[in-house]
């Protein structure tokens, strides 16, 4: 039996196992498609975090409050 045949047989057995026991598929995180998954699937909160991190309109100006003393820094 060649390496390719063993790999195909193993993949077939794993597919049969996942079909018979759906919780196995969840536990092993087996995906339907091959390749790298989209970020939206893998990290669902990523887009919300990016959109939520945008600055408020009032804070988008070029005026910055500078700190002059160490006491102002710790307040």
N, C-alpha and C. Protein backbone atom coordinates (compact mmCIF):
# COMPACT_ATOMS: atom_id res chain seq x y z
N UNK A 1 0.86 -1.17 0.00
CA UNK A 1 0.00 0.00 0.00
C UNK A 1 0.91 1.24 0.00
N UNK A 2 0.63 2.14 -0.90
CA UNK A 2 1.46 3.33 -1.00
C UNK A 2 1.05 4.36 0.04
N UNK A 3 1.87 5.33 0.16
CA UNK A 3 1.61 6.41 1.13
C UNK A 3 0.31 7.13 0.79
N UNK A 4 0.09 7.35 -0.50
CA UNK A 4 -1.12 8.04 -0.94
C UNK A 4 -2.37 7.23 -0.60
N UNK A 5 -2.29 5.92 -0.81
CA UNK A 5 -3.42 5.04 -0.50
C UNK A 5 -3.73 5.03 1.00
N UNK A 6 -2.68 4.98 1.81
CA UNK A 6 -2.88 5.01 3.27
C UNK A 6 -3.53 6.32 3.70
N UNK A 7 -3.08 7.41 3.10
CA UNK A 7 -3.64 8.73 3.44
C UNK A 7 -5.12 8.80 3.06
N UNK A 8 -5.45 8.29 1.88
CA UNK A 8 -6.85 8.28 1.44
C UNK A 8 -7.71 7.41 2.34
N UNK A 9 -7.19 6.23 2.71
CA UNK A 9 -7.94 5.33 3.59
C UNK A 9 -8.15 5.97 4.96
N UNK A 10 -7.12 6.62 5.46
CA UNK A 10 -7.23 7.30 6.76
C UNK A 10 -8.26 8.42 6.69
N UNK A 11 -8.24 9.17 5.62
CA UNK A 11 -9.19 10.28 5.46
C UNK A 11 -10.62 9.75 5.35
N UNK A 12 -10.79 8.62 4.65
CA UNK A 12 -12.11 8.02 4.51
C UNK A 12 -12.63 7.53 5.86
N UNK A 13 -11.78 6.89 6.64
CA UNK A 13 -12.18 6.41 7.97
C UNK A 13 -12.55 7.58 8.88
N UNK A 14 -11.79 8.64 8.81
CA UNK A 14 -12.07 9.82 9.63
C UNK A 14 -13.40 10.46 9.22
N UNK A 15 -13.68 10.50 7.92
CA UNK A 15 -14.95 11.05 7.44
C UNK A 15 -16.12 10.20 7.92
N UNK A 16 -15.96 8.88 7.90
CA UNK A 16 -17.01 7.98 8.38
C UNK A 16 -17.23 8.16 9.87
N UNK A 17 -16.16 8.31 10.61
CA UNK A 17 -16.26 8.52 12.05
C UNK A 17 -16.98 9.83 12.36
N UNK A 18 -16.63 10.87 11.64
CA UNK A 18 -17.26 12.18 11.86
C UNK A 18 -18.74 12.15 11.48
N UNK A 19 -19.07 11.37 10.46
CA UNK A 19 -20.46 11.25 10.05
C UNK A 19 -21.28 10.52 11.11
N UNK A 20 -20.69 9.50 11.69
CA UNK A 20 -21.39 8.72 12.72
C UNK A 20 -21.46 9.46 14.05
N UNK A 21 -20.44 10.26 14.35
CA UNK A 21 -20.37 10.98 15.62
C UNK A 21 -20.02 12.45 15.37
N UNK A 22 -21.02 13.31 15.23
CA UNK A 22 -20.76 14.72 14.91
C UNK A 22 -19.93 15.46 15.96
N UNK A 23 -19.98 15.02 17.21
CA UNK A 23 -19.20 15.70 18.24
C UNK A 23 -17.69 15.52 18.03
N UNK A 24 -17.30 14.45 17.34
CA UNK A 24 -15.88 14.23 17.03
C UNK A 24 -15.39 15.31 16.08
N UNK A 25 -16.22 15.65 15.11
CA UNK A 25 -15.86 16.69 14.14
C UNK A 25 -15.64 18.02 14.85
N UNK A 26 -16.50 18.33 15.81
CA UNK A 26 -16.35 19.57 16.58
C UNK A 26 -15.09 19.54 17.42
N UNK A 27 -14.83 18.41 18.06
CA UNK A 27 -13.67 18.30 18.94
C UNK A 27 -12.36 18.41 18.17
N UNK A 28 -12.32 17.86 16.96
CA UNK A 28 -11.11 17.91 16.15
C UNK A 28 -11.02 19.16 15.29
N UNK A 29 -12.09 19.95 15.28
CA UNK A 29 -12.17 21.19 14.49
C UNK A 29 -11.90 20.91 13.01
N UNK A 30 -12.58 19.91 12.50
CA UNK A 30 -12.45 19.55 11.09
C UNK A 30 -13.34 20.47 10.26
N UNK A 31 -12.78 21.04 9.23
CA UNK A 31 -13.52 21.98 8.38
C UNK A 31 -13.92 21.30 7.08
N UNK A 32 -14.93 21.88 6.42
CA UNK A 32 -15.42 21.32 5.16
C UNK A 32 -14.45 21.58 4.01
N UNK A 33 -13.87 22.77 3.98
CA UNK A 33 -12.98 23.15 2.89
C UNK A 33 -11.53 22.99 3.31
N UNK A 34 -10.68 22.77 2.33
CA UNK A 34 -9.26 22.71 2.62
C UNK A 34 -8.67 24.11 2.52
N UNK A 35 -7.51 24.30 3.08
CA UNK A 35 -6.86 25.61 3.03
C UNK A 35 -7.09 26.41 4.29
N UNK A 36 -6.56 27.60 4.28
CA UNK A 36 -6.66 28.48 5.44
C UNK A 36 -8.06 29.07 5.54
N UNK A 37 -8.68 29.02 6.71
CA UNK A 37 -10.03 29.57 6.85
C UNK A 37 -10.01 31.09 6.86
N UNK A 38 -11.13 31.68 6.50
CA UNK A 38 -11.25 33.14 6.52
C UNK A 38 -11.17 33.62 7.97
N UNK A 39 -10.66 34.82 8.15
CA UNK A 39 -10.55 35.38 9.50
C UNK A 39 -11.92 35.53 10.15
N UNK A 40 -12.94 35.84 9.36
CA UNK A 40 -14.28 36.00 9.91
C UNK A 40 -14.79 34.70 10.52
N UNK A 41 -14.38 33.57 9.98
CA UNK A 41 -14.80 32.28 10.53
C UNK A 41 -14.00 31.93 11.77
N UNK A 42 -12.70 32.18 11.70
CA UNK A 42 -11.80 31.78 12.78
C UNK A 42 -11.90 32.72 13.99
N UNK A 43 -11.97 34.02 13.73
CA UNK A 43 -12.02 35.03 14.79
C UNK A 43 -13.22 35.92 14.54
N UNK A 44 -14.36 35.49 15.02
CA UNK A 44 -15.62 36.13 14.69
C UNK A 44 -15.75 37.55 15.23
N UNK A 45 -15.11 37.85 16.31
CA UNK A 45 -15.23 39.17 16.92
C UNK A 45 -14.20 40.16 16.37
N UNK A 46 -13.37 39.74 15.43
CA UNK A 46 -12.30 40.59 14.92
C UNK A 46 -12.86 41.84 14.24
N UNK A 47 -13.83 41.68 13.36
CA UNK A 47 -14.39 42.83 12.64
C UNK A 47 -15.04 43.81 13.61
N UNK A 48 -15.75 43.30 14.61
CA UNK A 48 -16.38 44.18 15.60
C UNK A 48 -15.32 44.95 16.38
N UNK A 49 -14.23 44.30 16.71
CA UNK A 49 -13.15 44.97 17.45
C UNK A 49 -12.50 46.05 16.61
N UNK A 50 -12.32 45.79 15.33
CA UNK A 50 -11.70 46.79 14.45
C UNK A 50 -12.60 48.00 14.31
N UNK A 51 -13.87 47.77 14.06
CA UNK A 51 -14.81 48.87 13.91
C UNK A 51 -14.98 49.61 15.23
N UNK A 52 -15.02 48.89 16.34
CA UNK A 52 -15.20 49.52 17.64
C UNK A 52 -13.99 50.29 18.12
N UNK A 53 -12.83 50.03 17.52
CA UNK A 53 -11.63 50.72 17.97
C UNK A 53 -11.45 52.09 17.33
N UNK A 54 -12.32 52.45 16.41
CA UNK A 54 -12.22 53.76 15.76
C UNK A 54 -12.46 54.85 16.81
N UNK A 55 -11.73 55.93 16.68
CA UNK A 55 -11.82 57.02 17.65
C UNK A 55 -13.13 57.79 17.47
N UNK A 56 -13.59 58.36 18.53
CA UNK A 56 -14.77 59.20 18.51
C UNK A 56 -14.47 60.46 17.70
N UNK A 57 -15.49 61.05 17.08
CA UNK A 57 -15.29 62.21 16.21
C UNK A 57 -14.59 63.37 16.93
N UNK A 58 -14.91 63.59 18.19
CA UNK A 58 -14.31 64.70 18.93
C UNK A 58 -12.83 64.48 19.21
N UNK A 59 -12.38 63.25 19.16
CA UNK A 59 -10.98 62.96 19.49
C UNK A 59 -10.11 62.80 18.25
N UNK A 60 -10.67 63.05 17.07
CA UNK A 60 -9.90 62.86 15.85
C UNK A 60 -9.12 64.10 15.45
N UNK A 61 -9.20 65.15 16.22
CA UNK A 61 -8.47 66.38 15.89
C UNK A 61 -6.99 66.24 16.16
N UNK A 62 -6.24 67.26 15.76
CA UNK A 62 -4.79 67.24 15.93
C UNK A 62 -4.34 67.84 17.26
N UNK A 63 -5.28 68.20 18.10
CA UNK A 63 -4.94 68.81 19.38
C UNK A 63 -4.70 67.70 20.40
N UNK A 64 -3.53 67.72 20.99
CA UNK A 64 -3.17 66.72 22.00
C UNK A 64 -2.91 67.42 23.33
N UNK A 65 -3.33 66.80 24.40
CA UNK A 65 -3.07 67.35 25.72
C UNK A 65 -1.74 66.81 26.19
N UNK A 66 -0.80 67.70 26.35
CA UNK A 66 0.53 67.24 26.78
C UNK A 66 0.62 67.19 28.30
N UNK A 67 1.46 66.33 28.80
CA UNK A 67 1.69 66.18 30.23
C UNK A 67 2.96 66.94 30.58
N UNK A 68 2.85 67.81 31.56
CA UNK A 68 3.99 68.64 31.90
C UNK A 68 4.72 68.17 33.15
N UNK A 69 4.00 67.52 34.06
CA UNK A 69 4.65 67.07 35.29
C UNK A 69 4.32 65.60 35.54
N UNK A 70 5.09 65.00 36.42
CA UNK A 70 4.87 63.60 36.77
C UNK A 70 3.54 63.42 37.50
N UNK A 71 3.13 64.41 38.28
CA UNK A 71 1.85 64.33 38.99
C UNK A 71 0.68 64.25 38.02
N UNK A 72 0.76 64.97 36.91
CA UNK A 72 -0.31 64.93 35.91
C UNK A 72 -0.37 63.55 35.25
N UNK A 73 0.77 62.91 35.14
CA UNK A 73 0.82 61.59 34.53
C UNK A 73 0.12 60.54 35.39
N UNK A 74 0.26 60.63 36.69
CA UNK A 74 -0.31 59.63 37.58
C UNK A 74 -1.76 59.88 37.95
N UNK A 75 -2.31 60.99 37.58
CA UNK A 75 -3.71 61.31 37.92
C UNK A 75 -4.67 60.56 37.07
